Amino acid sequence: MKKHLSISIATILALSIPGIAKAQFYITAEVGGVPSVSGATLENFDEPSPSILTLSGTAYLMTGTDANGSAPNFSGLTAAYFGEYPTSGPDATPYVAVAYAGLATLSFPAPERYLGLLWGSIDANNLLTFYDSANNVIGTVDGTDVGTSEDSYVNITSTTAFSSVVASNAGDSFEFDDVAYAPVPEPASLSLLAFGMFGITLLRRHRG
C-alpha cells in the first residue's frame, strides 16, 4: 500500500502541475557537515574499485593534492563520520578528481532521492547532472546552486528519483569524496501540494 501511495503522489504531481517535467533539488551545505539522511549508504572510495564509480577522460581517483595543488578539506565531523583521518586539513584519503573534459559517473543499485558529498573548491564550473533509470536528464546542480565556495558537505534531495549522477567540470578541477545516498521519500510539503493539486483537478473535471 505504501509503495502504491508513493507512486501515486509522484504521478499526480507530474500530471497536475504544467511544466514540472524535471526534478527540484533541495540543497544544504555545511563546512564540516555530515549526511543529512540517517541510514544512508556511505562510500569513501577507499577500496581500489568502488562499485558505484566509473571514471572516463581526465577523471581519476587521487590521494594527496591534485595537479592544481588542492584537495577537499576535512573539518568538523565529516572525516570521522566516514572513518577517515586526520579529521581536519586536506583529505589524505582517496577522492575523486574531475579535470576539464573528464567525467565521473555514480551509478546506484536502486533509484535514489538523496545524495550527499564532500565537495571541494566549490565553483560554477563544477556540475552534477542527474539521470533517471531511462537515462533521461532530470536536472542539474552546479557550484552556484550550493551558495558557498568553501569546502563543504553538500546535501541534495530530489523530488524525482535518480539512478545515476555524472560529475563534470568546465574549469580546473572538481574534487569530491565521502558520498552518501538513500531513497528518501518526497518532502511532506510536496506530498501535500500533490494532493491539493489533485483535488483541484478533480473539482475542475467534475464542474466541467
N, C-alpha and C. Protein backbone atom coordinates (compact mmCIF):
# COMPACT_ATOMS: atom_id res chain seq x y z
N MET A 1 0.83 -1.21 0.00
CA MET A 1 0.00 0.00 0.00
C MET A 1 0.86 1.26 0.00
N LYS A 2 1.88 1.30 0.83
CA LYS A 2 2.73 2.49 0.89
C LYS A 2 3.45 2.72 -0.44
N LYS A 3 3.89 1.64 -1.07
CA LYS A 3 4.57 1.79 -2.35
C LYS A 3 3.62 2.36 -3.39
N HIS A 4 2.41 1.89 -3.40
CA HIS A 4 1.41 2.39 -4.34
C HIS A 4 1.12 3.86 -4.10
N LEU A 5 1.03 4.26 -2.83
CA LEU A 5 0.76 5.65 -2.48
C LEU A 5 1.89 6.55 -2.96
N SER A 6 3.15 6.11 -2.78
CA SER A 6 4.30 6.91 -3.21
C SER A 6 4.29 7.12 -4.72
N ILE A 7 4.00 6.07 -5.46
CA ILE A 7 3.95 6.20 -6.91
C ILE A 7 2.82 7.13 -7.32
N SER A 8 1.70 7.04 -6.64
CA SER A 8 0.55 7.88 -6.98
C SER A 8 0.85 9.35 -6.77
N ILE A 9 1.54 9.68 -5.68
CA ILE A 9 1.89 11.07 -5.40
C ILE A 9 2.77 11.63 -6.50
N ALA A 10 3.79 10.87 -6.91
CA ALA A 10 4.68 11.35 -7.96
C ALA A 10 3.94 11.53 -9.27
N THR A 11 3.06 10.59 -9.57
CA THR A 11 2.30 10.68 -10.82
C THR A 11 1.34 11.85 -10.81
N ILE A 12 0.64 12.04 -9.70
CA ILE A 12 -0.30 13.15 -9.57
C ILE A 12 0.42 14.48 -9.72
N LEU A 13 1.58 14.60 -9.07
CA LEU A 13 2.34 15.85 -9.12
C LEU A 13 2.76 16.16 -10.54
N ALA A 14 3.20 15.14 -11.27
CA ALA A 14 3.66 15.36 -12.64
C ALA A 14 2.50 15.73 -13.56
N LEU A 15 1.32 15.13 -13.35
CA LEU A 15 0.20 15.38 -14.24
C LEU A 15 -0.56 16.66 -13.91
N SER A 16 -0.56 17.06 -12.65
CA SER A 16 -1.40 18.17 -12.21
C SER A 16 -0.77 19.53 -12.40
N ILE A 17 0.56 19.60 -12.42
CA ILE A 17 1.25 20.88 -12.49
C ILE A 17 1.95 21.00 -13.83
N PRO A 18 1.54 21.93 -14.69
CA PRO A 18 2.15 22.07 -16.00
C PRO A 18 3.64 22.37 -15.90
N GLY A 19 4.44 21.74 -16.76
CA GLY A 19 5.86 22.07 -16.86
C GLY A 19 6.74 21.50 -15.78
N ILE A 20 6.23 20.56 -14.97
CA ILE A 20 7.08 20.03 -13.90
C ILE A 20 7.71 18.71 -14.34
N ALA A 21 8.34 18.72 -15.48
CA ALA A 21 8.94 17.50 -16.03
C ALA A 21 10.27 17.18 -15.36
N LYS A 22 10.95 18.18 -14.81
CA LYS A 22 12.26 17.97 -14.21
C LYS A 22 12.19 18.07 -12.69
N ALA A 23 13.21 17.52 -12.07
CA ALA A 23 13.26 17.49 -10.61
C ALA A 23 13.53 18.87 -10.03
N GLN A 24 13.08 19.04 -8.80
CA GLN A 24 13.51 20.17 -7.99
C GLN A 24 14.50 19.62 -6.97
N PHE A 25 15.51 20.42 -6.63
CA PHE A 25 16.52 19.99 -5.69
C PHE A 25 16.51 20.89 -4.46
N TYR A 26 16.58 20.25 -3.29
CA TYR A 26 16.70 20.97 -2.03
C TYR A 26 18.12 20.76 -1.54
N ILE A 27 18.87 21.86 -1.40
CA ILE A 27 20.31 21.79 -1.18
C ILE A 27 20.69 22.49 0.12
N THR A 28 21.49 21.82 0.93
CA THR A 28 22.10 22.45 2.10
C THR A 28 23.59 22.16 2.06
N ALA A 29 24.39 23.06 2.61
CA ALA A 29 25.83 22.89 2.64
C ALA A 29 26.36 23.36 3.98
N GLU A 30 27.27 22.59 4.54
CA GLU A 30 27.84 22.94 5.84
C GLU A 30 29.31 22.58 5.89
N VAL A 31 30.14 23.53 6.28
CA VAL A 31 31.56 23.25 6.47
C VAL A 31 31.67 22.28 7.66
N GLY A 32 32.29 21.12 7.40
CA GLY A 32 32.39 20.13 8.46
C GLY A 32 31.10 19.38 8.72
N GLY A 33 30.16 19.42 7.78
CA GLY A 33 28.89 18.75 7.97
C GLY A 33 28.96 17.26 7.69
N VAL A 34 27.81 16.60 7.81
CA VAL A 34 27.69 15.17 7.58
C VAL A 34 26.41 14.90 6.81
N PRO A 35 26.19 13.67 6.32
CA PRO A 35 24.93 13.38 5.62
C PRO A 35 23.71 13.74 6.45
N SER A 36 22.71 14.28 5.79
CA SER A 36 21.50 14.71 6.50
C SER A 36 20.46 13.61 6.59
N VAL A 37 20.71 12.47 5.96
CA VAL A 37 19.76 11.35 5.97
C VAL A 37 20.37 10.20 6.76
N SER A 38 19.72 9.81 7.84
CA SER A 38 20.22 8.70 8.64
C SER A 38 20.00 7.39 7.88
N GLY A 39 20.92 6.47 8.02
CA GLY A 39 20.79 5.18 7.35
C GLY A 39 21.19 5.19 5.89
N ALA A 40 21.77 6.29 5.40
CA ALA A 40 22.21 6.36 4.01
C ALA A 40 23.38 5.41 3.79
N THR A 41 23.52 4.92 2.57
CA THR A 41 24.69 4.11 2.19
C THR A 41 25.88 5.05 2.01
N LEU A 42 27.03 4.67 2.58
CA LEU A 42 28.21 5.53 2.55
C LEU A 42 29.28 4.94 1.64
N GLU A 43 29.98 5.81 0.92
CA GLU A 43 31.09 5.41 0.05
C GLU A 43 32.22 6.42 0.21
N ASN A 44 33.39 5.94 0.70
CA ASN A 44 34.52 6.86 0.87
C ASN A 44 35.64 6.63 -0.15
N PHE A 45 35.42 5.74 -1.13
CA PHE A 45 36.36 5.49 -2.22
C PHE A 45 37.69 4.92 -1.77
N ASP A 46 37.74 4.35 -0.55
CA ASP A 46 39.00 3.79 -0.07
C ASP A 46 39.34 2.46 -0.73
N GLU A 47 38.33 1.73 -1.22
CA GLU A 47 38.62 0.48 -1.92
C GLU A 47 39.13 0.79 -3.32
N PRO A 48 39.92 -0.11 -3.92
CA PRO A 48 40.54 0.17 -5.23
C PRO A 48 39.55 0.46 -6.35
N SER A 49 38.44 -0.27 -6.40
CA SER A 49 37.47 -0.09 -7.49
C SER A 49 36.06 0.02 -6.92
N PRO A 50 35.68 1.20 -6.49
CA PRO A 50 34.33 1.38 -5.93
C PRO A 50 33.26 0.96 -6.93
N SER A 51 32.30 0.17 -6.49
CA SER A 51 31.33 -0.41 -7.42
C SER A 51 30.42 0.63 -8.06
N ILE A 52 30.18 1.75 -7.39
CA ILE A 52 29.25 2.75 -7.94
C ILE A 52 29.95 3.75 -8.86
N LEU A 53 31.28 3.71 -8.95
CA LEU A 53 32.03 4.77 -9.64
C LEU A 53 32.62 4.30 -10.96
N THR A 54 32.38 5.10 -12.02
CA THR A 54 33.03 4.88 -13.31
C THR A 54 33.71 6.19 -13.72
N LEU A 55 34.98 6.11 -14.09
CA LEU A 55 35.75 7.30 -14.46
C LEU A 55 36.10 7.25 -15.94
N SER A 56 36.05 8.40 -16.60
CA SER A 56 36.43 8.46 -18.01
C SER A 56 37.13 9.78 -18.30
N GLY A 57 37.91 9.79 -19.38
CA GLY A 57 38.63 11.01 -19.73
C GLY A 57 39.60 11.41 -18.63
N THR A 58 39.62 12.68 -18.31
CA THR A 58 40.54 13.21 -17.31
C THR A 58 39.90 13.24 -15.93
N ALA A 59 39.35 12.11 -15.53
CA ALA A 59 38.82 11.93 -14.17
C ALA A 59 39.54 10.75 -13.54
N TYR A 60 39.88 10.84 -12.26
CA TYR A 60 40.68 9.80 -11.65
C TYR A 60 40.50 9.83 -10.15
N LEU A 61 40.87 8.71 -9.51
CA LEU A 61 40.96 8.66 -8.05
C LEU A 61 42.32 9.21 -7.64
N MET A 62 42.31 10.08 -6.66
CA MET A 62 43.52 10.82 -6.29
C MET A 62 43.76 10.72 -4.79
N THR A 63 45.01 10.68 -4.39
CA THR A 63 45.38 10.77 -2.98
C THR A 63 46.40 11.89 -2.85
N GLY A 64 46.20 12.77 -1.91
CA GLY A 64 47.06 13.95 -1.77
C GLY A 64 46.53 15.08 -2.63
N THR A 65 47.33 16.11 -2.82
CA THR A 65 46.88 17.25 -3.62
C THR A 65 46.94 16.94 -5.10
N ASP A 66 46.01 17.52 -5.88
CA ASP A 66 45.97 17.25 -7.31
C ASP A 66 46.94 18.17 -8.07
N ALA A 67 46.82 18.18 -9.40
CA ALA A 67 47.74 18.97 -10.22
C ALA A 67 47.67 20.45 -9.94
N ASN A 68 46.55 20.89 -9.36
CA ASN A 68 46.39 22.30 -9.03
C ASN A 68 46.77 22.60 -7.58
N GLY A 69 47.32 21.60 -6.90
CA GLY A 69 47.76 21.78 -5.52
C GLY A 69 46.63 21.83 -4.52
N SER A 70 45.48 21.23 -4.86
CA SER A 70 44.34 21.28 -3.96
C SER A 70 43.79 19.89 -3.69
N ALA A 71 43.01 19.79 -2.64
CA ALA A 71 42.30 18.57 -2.26
C ALA A 71 41.11 19.01 -1.41
N PRO A 72 40.05 18.19 -1.35
CA PRO A 72 38.95 18.57 -0.45
C PRO A 72 39.47 18.69 0.97
N ASN A 73 38.95 19.64 1.72
CA ASN A 73 39.39 19.85 3.10
C ASN A 73 38.39 19.27 4.08
N PHE A 74 38.91 18.46 5.00
CA PHE A 74 38.10 17.97 6.10
C PHE A 74 38.01 19.03 7.17
N SER A 75 36.87 19.11 7.82
CA SER A 75 36.74 19.91 9.03
C SER A 75 35.49 19.43 9.76
N GLY A 76 35.47 19.64 11.05
CA GLY A 76 34.30 19.23 11.81
C GLY A 76 34.16 17.72 11.85
N LEU A 77 32.95 17.22 11.54
CA LEU A 77 32.64 15.82 11.75
C LEU A 77 32.79 14.95 10.51
N THR A 78 33.00 15.54 9.34
CA THR A 78 32.94 14.77 8.10
C THR A 78 33.85 13.55 8.10
N ALA A 79 35.14 13.74 8.32
CA ALA A 79 36.10 12.65 8.23
C ALA A 79 35.79 11.55 9.24
N ALA A 80 35.52 11.92 10.47
CA ALA A 80 35.24 10.92 11.50
C ALA A 80 33.98 10.12 11.16
N TYR A 81 32.99 10.78 10.59
CA TYR A 81 31.74 10.12 10.24
C TYR A 81 31.99 9.01 9.21
N PHE A 82 32.93 9.24 8.31
CA PHE A 82 33.26 8.26 7.27
C PHE A 82 34.46 7.39 7.63
N GLY A 83 34.92 7.49 8.89
CA GLY A 83 36.01 6.65 9.36
C GLY A 83 37.35 7.00 8.77
N GLU A 84 37.58 8.29 8.49
CA GLU A 84 38.82 8.72 7.86
C GLU A 84 39.58 9.69 8.77
N TYR A 85 40.91 9.65 8.67
CA TYR A 85 41.77 10.51 9.49
C TYR A 85 42.94 10.99 8.63
N PRO A 86 43.51 12.16 8.94
CA PRO A 86 43.15 13.07 10.02
C PRO A 86 41.78 13.71 9.80
N THR A 87 41.23 14.25 10.83
CA THR A 87 39.87 14.78 10.76
C THR A 87 39.81 16.26 10.40
N SER A 88 40.95 16.86 10.12
CA SER A 88 40.96 18.25 9.67
C SER A 88 42.11 18.43 8.68
N GLY A 89 42.01 19.47 7.85
CA GLY A 89 43.03 19.71 6.84
C GLY A 89 42.74 18.98 5.55
N PRO A 90 43.69 18.99 4.60
CA PRO A 90 43.46 18.35 3.30
C PRO A 90 43.15 16.87 3.42
N ASP A 91 42.25 16.39 2.59
CA ASP A 91 41.87 14.98 2.54
C ASP A 91 43.09 14.13 2.17
N ALA A 92 43.51 13.27 3.08
CA ALA A 92 44.68 12.42 2.84
C ALA A 92 44.29 11.04 2.35
N THR A 93 43.00 10.81 2.10
CA THR A 93 42.50 9.52 1.62
C THR A 93 42.11 9.66 0.15
N PRO A 94 41.83 8.54 -0.55
CA PRO A 94 41.44 8.64 -1.96
C PRO A 94 40.15 9.46 -2.15
N TYR A 95 40.15 10.30 -3.15
CA TYR A 95 38.96 11.09 -3.51
C TYR A 95 38.90 11.19 -5.03
N VAL A 96 37.77 11.65 -5.54
CA VAL A 96 37.58 11.76 -6.99
C VAL A 96 38.00 13.15 -7.45
N ALA A 97 38.81 13.22 -8.48
CA ALA A 97 39.20 14.49 -9.10
C ALA A 97 38.77 14.46 -10.56
N VAL A 98 37.98 15.44 -10.97
CA VAL A 98 37.50 15.52 -12.35
C VAL A 98 38.10 16.77 -12.98
N ALA A 99 39.06 16.58 -13.86
CA ALA A 99 39.67 17.70 -14.58
C ALA A 99 38.81 18.05 -15.79
N TYR A 100 39.21 19.10 -16.51
CA TYR A 100 38.45 19.55 -17.68
C TYR A 100 38.27 18.39 -18.67
N ALA A 101 37.04 18.21 -19.12
CA ALA A 101 36.66 17.16 -20.09
C ALA A 101 36.58 15.77 -19.49
N GLY A 102 36.77 15.64 -18.19
CA GLY A 102 36.61 14.33 -17.54
C GLY A 102 35.19 14.12 -17.06
N LEU A 103 34.85 12.87 -16.79
CA LEU A 103 33.53 12.52 -16.27
C LEU A 103 33.69 11.49 -15.16
N ALA A 104 32.96 11.68 -14.07
CA ALA A 104 32.89 10.69 -13.00
C ALA A 104 31.42 10.35 -12.82
N THR A 105 31.07 9.09 -13.09
CA THR A 105 29.68 8.67 -13.03
C THR A 105 29.43 7.82 -11.78
N LEU A 106 28.43 8.21 -11.02
CA LEU A 106 27.96 7.44 -9.87
C LEU A 106 26.70 6.71 -10.29
N SER A 107 26.75 5.38 -10.33
CA SER A 107 25.61 4.57 -10.74
C SER A 107 25.10 3.79 -9.53
N PHE A 108 23.86 3.99 -9.17
CA PHE A 108 23.32 3.43 -7.94
C PHE A 108 22.57 2.13 -8.20
N PRO A 109 22.59 1.21 -7.24
CA PRO A 109 21.93 -0.09 -7.43
C PRO A 109 20.41 -0.01 -7.47
N ALA A 110 19.85 1.10 -6.98
CA ALA A 110 18.40 1.31 -6.99
C ALA A 110 18.15 2.81 -7.11
N PRO A 111 16.96 3.22 -7.54
CA PRO A 111 16.67 4.66 -7.63
C PRO A 111 16.80 5.34 -6.27
N GLU A 112 17.39 6.51 -6.26
CA GLU A 112 17.64 7.27 -5.04
C GLU A 112 17.01 8.66 -5.14
N ARG A 113 16.82 9.30 -3.99
CA ARG A 113 16.34 10.68 -3.98
C ARG A 113 17.27 11.60 -3.19
N TYR A 114 18.26 11.02 -2.53
CA TYR A 114 19.19 11.83 -1.73
C TYR A 114 20.63 11.53 -2.13
N LEU A 115 21.43 12.59 -2.24
CA LEU A 115 22.86 12.48 -2.49
C LEU A 115 23.59 13.46 -1.58
N GLY A 116 24.61 12.97 -0.89
CA GLY A 116 25.47 13.83 -0.10
C GLY A 116 26.91 13.63 -0.53
N LEU A 117 27.73 14.68 -0.47
CA LEU A 117 29.14 14.54 -0.83
C LEU A 117 29.95 15.67 -0.23
N LEU A 118 31.21 15.34 0.10
CA LEU A 118 32.18 16.36 0.50
C LEU A 118 32.68 17.01 -0.78
N TRP A 119 32.34 18.27 -0.98
CA TRP A 119 32.58 18.99 -2.25
C TRP A 119 33.71 19.99 -2.02
N GLY A 120 34.82 19.82 -2.73
CA GLY A 120 35.96 20.70 -2.55
C GLY A 120 35.99 21.84 -3.56
N SER A 121 36.45 23.00 -3.13
CA SER A 121 36.63 24.16 -4.02
C SER A 121 35.40 24.40 -4.89
N ILE A 122 34.29 24.63 -4.26
CA ILE A 122 33.01 24.76 -4.97
C ILE A 122 33.01 25.99 -5.87
N ASP A 123 32.72 25.78 -7.16
CA ASP A 123 32.62 26.92 -8.07
C ASP A 123 31.65 26.60 -9.20
N ALA A 124 31.39 27.60 -10.03
CA ALA A 124 30.37 27.49 -11.09
C ALA A 124 30.74 26.46 -12.15
N ASN A 125 32.02 26.10 -12.25
CA ASN A 125 32.45 25.14 -13.26
C ASN A 125 32.14 23.69 -12.89
N ASN A 126 31.85 23.46 -11.62
CA ASN A 126 31.53 22.11 -11.15
C ASN A 126 30.07 21.81 -11.42
N LEU A 127 29.79 20.67 -12.06
CA LEU A 127 28.42 20.35 -12.45
C LEU A 127 28.07 18.91 -12.11
N LEU A 128 26.90 18.72 -11.49
CA LEU A 128 26.33 17.39 -11.27
C LEU A 128 25.08 17.28 -12.13
N THR A 129 25.01 16.25 -12.97
CA THR A 129 23.85 16.01 -13.82
C THR A 129 23.17 14.73 -13.37
N PHE A 130 21.88 14.82 -13.06
CA PHE A 130 21.12 13.69 -12.52
C PHE A 130 20.30 13.04 -13.63
N TYR A 131 20.34 11.69 -13.66
CA TYR A 131 19.64 10.92 -14.68
C TYR A 131 18.68 9.93 -14.04
N ASP A 132 17.54 9.69 -14.70
CA ASP A 132 16.62 8.68 -14.22
C ASP A 132 17.01 7.31 -14.77
N SER A 133 16.19 6.29 -14.49
CA SER A 133 16.54 4.93 -14.88
C SER A 133 16.53 4.73 -16.39
N ALA A 134 15.86 5.63 -17.14
CA ALA A 134 15.85 5.56 -18.61
C ALA A 134 16.95 6.43 -19.22
N ASN A 135 17.85 6.93 -18.37
CA ASN A 135 18.98 7.77 -18.78
C ASN A 135 18.54 9.13 -19.32
N ASN A 136 17.40 9.61 -18.85
CA ASN A 136 16.94 10.96 -19.17
C ASN A 136 17.43 11.93 -18.10
N VAL A 137 17.84 13.10 -18.51
CA VAL A 137 18.28 14.12 -17.54
C VAL A 137 17.07 14.65 -16.79
N ILE A 138 17.12 14.59 -15.45
CA ILE A 138 16.02 15.14 -14.65
C ILE A 138 16.38 16.48 -14.04
N GLY A 139 17.66 16.86 -14.08
CA GLY A 139 18.06 18.15 -13.57
C GLY A 139 19.56 18.22 -13.31
N THR A 140 20.03 19.42 -12.98
CA THR A 140 21.45 19.64 -12.72
C THR A 140 21.64 20.50 -11.48
N VAL A 141 22.80 20.35 -10.86
CA VAL A 141 23.22 21.19 -9.74
C VAL A 141 24.65 21.62 -10.02
N ASP A 142 24.92 22.93 -10.01
CA ASP A 142 26.30 23.38 -10.16
C ASP A 142 26.73 24.13 -8.91
N GLY A 143 27.98 24.58 -8.92
CA GLY A 143 28.52 25.21 -7.73
C GLY A 143 27.77 26.44 -7.27
N THR A 144 27.17 27.18 -8.19
CA THR A 144 26.43 28.38 -7.80
C THR A 144 25.15 28.04 -7.05
N ASP A 145 24.63 26.83 -7.24
CA ASP A 145 23.41 26.43 -6.54
C ASP A 145 23.66 26.12 -5.07
N VAL A 146 24.92 25.85 -4.73
CA VAL A 146 25.26 25.44 -3.36
C VAL A 146 25.24 26.63 -2.41
N GLY A 147 25.64 27.79 -2.90
CA GLY A 147 25.56 29.00 -2.08
C GLY A 147 26.81 29.32 -1.29
N THR A 148 27.90 28.59 -1.50
CA THR A 148 29.16 28.88 -0.83
C THR A 148 30.30 28.38 -1.70
N SER A 149 31.47 28.97 -1.54
CA SER A 149 32.66 28.50 -2.26
C SER A 149 33.57 27.70 -1.33
N GLU A 150 33.22 27.62 -0.04
CA GLU A 150 34.03 26.88 0.92
C GLU A 150 33.82 25.38 0.77
N ASP A 151 34.87 24.61 1.03
CA ASP A 151 34.73 23.15 1.02
C ASP A 151 33.68 22.76 2.05
N SER A 152 32.64 22.07 1.62
CA SER A 152 31.51 21.78 2.49
C SER A 152 30.96 20.40 2.24
N TYR A 153 30.23 19.89 3.24
CA TYR A 153 29.44 18.69 2.98
C TYR A 153 28.10 19.16 2.44
N VAL A 154 27.79 18.73 1.21
CA VAL A 154 26.60 19.21 0.50
C VAL A 154 25.56 18.11 0.47
N ASN A 155 24.35 18.43 0.90
CA ASN A 155 23.23 17.50 0.91
C ASN A 155 22.22 17.92 -0.15
N ILE A 156 21.87 17.00 -1.04
CA ILE A 156 20.95 17.29 -2.15
C ILE A 156 19.80 16.29 -2.10
N THR A 157 18.58 16.78 -1.97
CA THR A 157 17.39 15.93 -2.02
C THR A 157 16.59 16.27 -3.26
N SER A 158 16.20 15.27 -4.02
CA SER A 158 15.50 15.46 -5.28
C SER A 158 14.04 15.05 -5.16
N THR A 159 13.15 15.79 -5.83
CA THR A 159 11.74 15.41 -5.86
C THR A 159 11.49 14.27 -6.83
N THR A 160 12.47 13.96 -7.68
CA THR A 160 12.35 12.88 -8.66
C THR A 160 13.48 11.89 -8.42
N ALA A 161 13.17 10.61 -8.44
CA ALA A 161 14.20 9.59 -8.21
C ALA A 161 15.24 9.62 -9.33
N PHE A 162 16.49 9.40 -8.97
CA PHE A 162 17.57 9.35 -9.94
C PHE A 162 18.31 8.02 -9.79
N SER A 163 18.86 7.54 -10.91
CA SER A 163 19.60 6.28 -10.91
C SER A 163 21.10 6.48 -11.08
N SER A 164 21.50 7.63 -11.61
CA SER A 164 22.92 7.93 -11.76
C SER A 164 23.14 9.43 -11.71
N VAL A 165 24.36 9.80 -11.37
CA VAL A 165 24.77 11.21 -11.32
C VAL A 165 26.14 11.31 -11.97
N VAL A 166 26.29 12.26 -12.89
CA VAL A 166 27.57 12.45 -13.57
C VAL A 166 28.19 13.78 -13.13
N ALA A 167 29.41 13.71 -12.61
CA ALA A 167 30.17 14.89 -12.23
C ALA A 167 31.06 15.30 -13.38
N SER A 168 30.95 16.56 -13.80
CA SER A 168 31.79 17.08 -14.87
C SER A 168 32.32 18.44 -14.46
N ASN A 169 33.22 18.97 -15.27
CA ASN A 169 33.89 20.19 -14.87
C ASN A 169 34.35 20.98 -16.08
N ALA A 170 34.09 22.28 -16.07
CA ALA A 170 34.48 23.14 -17.19
C ALA A 170 35.67 24.02 -16.84
N GLY A 171 36.28 23.78 -15.67
CA GLY A 171 37.40 24.61 -15.25
C GLY A 171 38.59 23.76 -14.84
N ASP A 172 39.23 24.15 -13.73
CA ASP A 172 40.46 23.47 -13.31
C ASP A 172 40.20 22.06 -12.78
N SER A 173 39.31 21.93 -11.80
CA SER A 173 39.09 20.61 -11.22
C SER A 173 37.84 20.60 -10.35
N PHE A 174 37.23 19.43 -10.25
CA PHE A 174 36.09 19.20 -9.39
C PHE A 174 36.46 18.01 -8.51
N GLU A 175 36.71 18.28 -7.21
CA GLU A 175 37.10 17.22 -6.30
C GLU A 175 35.97 16.91 -5.33
N PHE A 176 35.73 15.61 -5.11
CA PHE A 176 34.73 15.24 -4.10
C PHE A 176 35.07 13.90 -3.47
N ASP A 177 34.50 13.68 -2.31
CA ASP A 177 34.75 12.45 -1.54
C ASP A 177 33.52 12.19 -0.68
N ASP A 178 33.53 11.05 0.00
CA ASP A 178 32.55 10.73 1.04
C ASP A 178 31.11 10.91 0.57
N VAL A 179 30.72 10.07 -0.38
CA VAL A 179 29.38 10.12 -0.94
C VAL A 179 28.41 9.33 -0.08
N ALA A 180 27.22 9.87 0.09
CA ALA A 180 26.13 9.17 0.77
C ALA A 180 24.90 9.21 -0.14
N TYR A 181 24.10 8.14 -0.13
CA TYR A 181 22.90 8.13 -0.98
C TYR A 181 21.81 7.29 -0.32
N ALA A 182 20.57 7.67 -0.60
CA ALA A 182 19.43 6.99 0.03
C ALA A 182 18.16 7.27 -0.76
N PRO A 183 17.18 6.35 -0.72
CA PRO A 183 15.91 6.53 -1.41
C PRO A 183 14.88 7.23 -0.52
N VAL A 184 15.21 8.42 -0.02
CA VAL A 184 14.31 9.12 0.90
C VAL A 184 13.02 9.47 0.18
N PRO A 185 11.89 9.57 0.92
CA PRO A 185 10.61 9.94 0.29
C PRO A 185 10.58 11.40 -0.08
N GLU A 186 9.58 11.79 -0.85
CA GLU A 186 9.41 13.19 -1.20
C GLU A 186 9.16 14.01 0.06
N PRO A 187 9.59 15.28 0.10
CA PRO A 187 9.28 16.14 1.25
C PRO A 187 7.78 16.20 1.47
N ALA A 188 7.38 16.29 2.76
CA ALA A 188 5.96 16.28 3.10
C ALA A 188 5.21 17.41 2.42
N SER A 189 5.85 18.57 2.28
CA SER A 189 5.19 19.71 1.65
C SER A 189 4.80 19.42 0.22
N LEU A 190 5.66 18.66 -0.49
CA LEU A 190 5.35 18.33 -1.87
C LEU A 190 4.22 17.30 -1.96
N SER A 191 4.16 16.40 -0.98
CA SER A 191 3.08 15.44 -0.96
C SER A 191 1.75 16.15 -0.75
N LEU A 192 1.72 17.11 0.16
CA LEU A 192 0.50 17.88 0.40
C LEU A 192 0.11 18.68 -0.83
N LEU A 193 1.12 19.26 -1.50
CA LEU A 193 0.85 20.02 -2.72
C LEU A 193 0.26 19.10 -3.79
N ALA A 194 0.81 17.90 -3.88
CA ALA A 194 0.31 16.95 -4.87
C ALA A 194 -1.15 16.63 -4.64
N PHE A 195 -1.51 16.35 -3.38
CA PHE A 195 -2.90 16.03 -3.08
C PHE A 195 -3.80 17.23 -3.34
N GLY A 196 -3.31 18.44 -3.00
CA GLY A 196 -4.11 19.64 -3.23
C GLY A 196 -4.38 19.86 -4.70
N MET A 197 -3.33 19.72 -5.52
CA MET A 197 -3.50 19.91 -6.95
C MET A 197 -4.37 18.82 -7.56
N PHE A 198 -4.28 17.61 -6.99
CA PHE A 198 -5.13 16.52 -7.47
C PHE A 198 -6.59 16.83 -7.19
N GLY A 199 -6.87 17.39 -5.99
CA GLY A 199 -8.24 17.76 -5.65
C GLY A 199 -8.78 18.84 -6.55
N ILE A 200 -7.93 19.85 -6.86
CA ILE A 200 -8.36 20.93 -7.76
C ILE A 200 -8.67 20.38 -9.14
N THR A 201 -7.81 19.45 -9.60
CA THR A 201 -8.02 18.86 -10.93
C THR A 201 -9.34 18.09 -10.98
N LEU A 202 -9.61 17.30 -9.94
CA LEU A 202 -10.87 16.53 -9.89
C LEU A 202 -12.07 17.46 -9.85
N LEU A 203 -11.97 18.56 -9.07
CA LEU A 203 -13.08 19.50 -8.94
C LEU A 203 -13.36 20.15 -10.29
N ARG A 204 -12.31 20.56 -11.00
CA ARG A 204 -12.50 21.18 -12.33
C ARG A 204 -13.13 20.21 -13.30
N ARG A 205 -12.71 18.95 -13.25
CA ARG A 205 -13.29 17.96 -14.16
C ARG A 205 -14.76 17.73 -13.84
N HIS A 206 -15.07 17.72 -12.53
CA HIS A 206 -16.47 17.48 -12.12
C HIS A 206 -17.36 18.62 -12.57
N ARG A 207 -16.88 19.86 -12.40
CA ARG A 207 -17.67 21.02 -12.80
C ARG A 207 -17.79 21.13 -14.31
N GLY A 208 -16.73 20.67 -15.02
CA GLY A 208 -16.75 20.74 -16.47
C GLY A 208 -17.73 19.74 -17.06
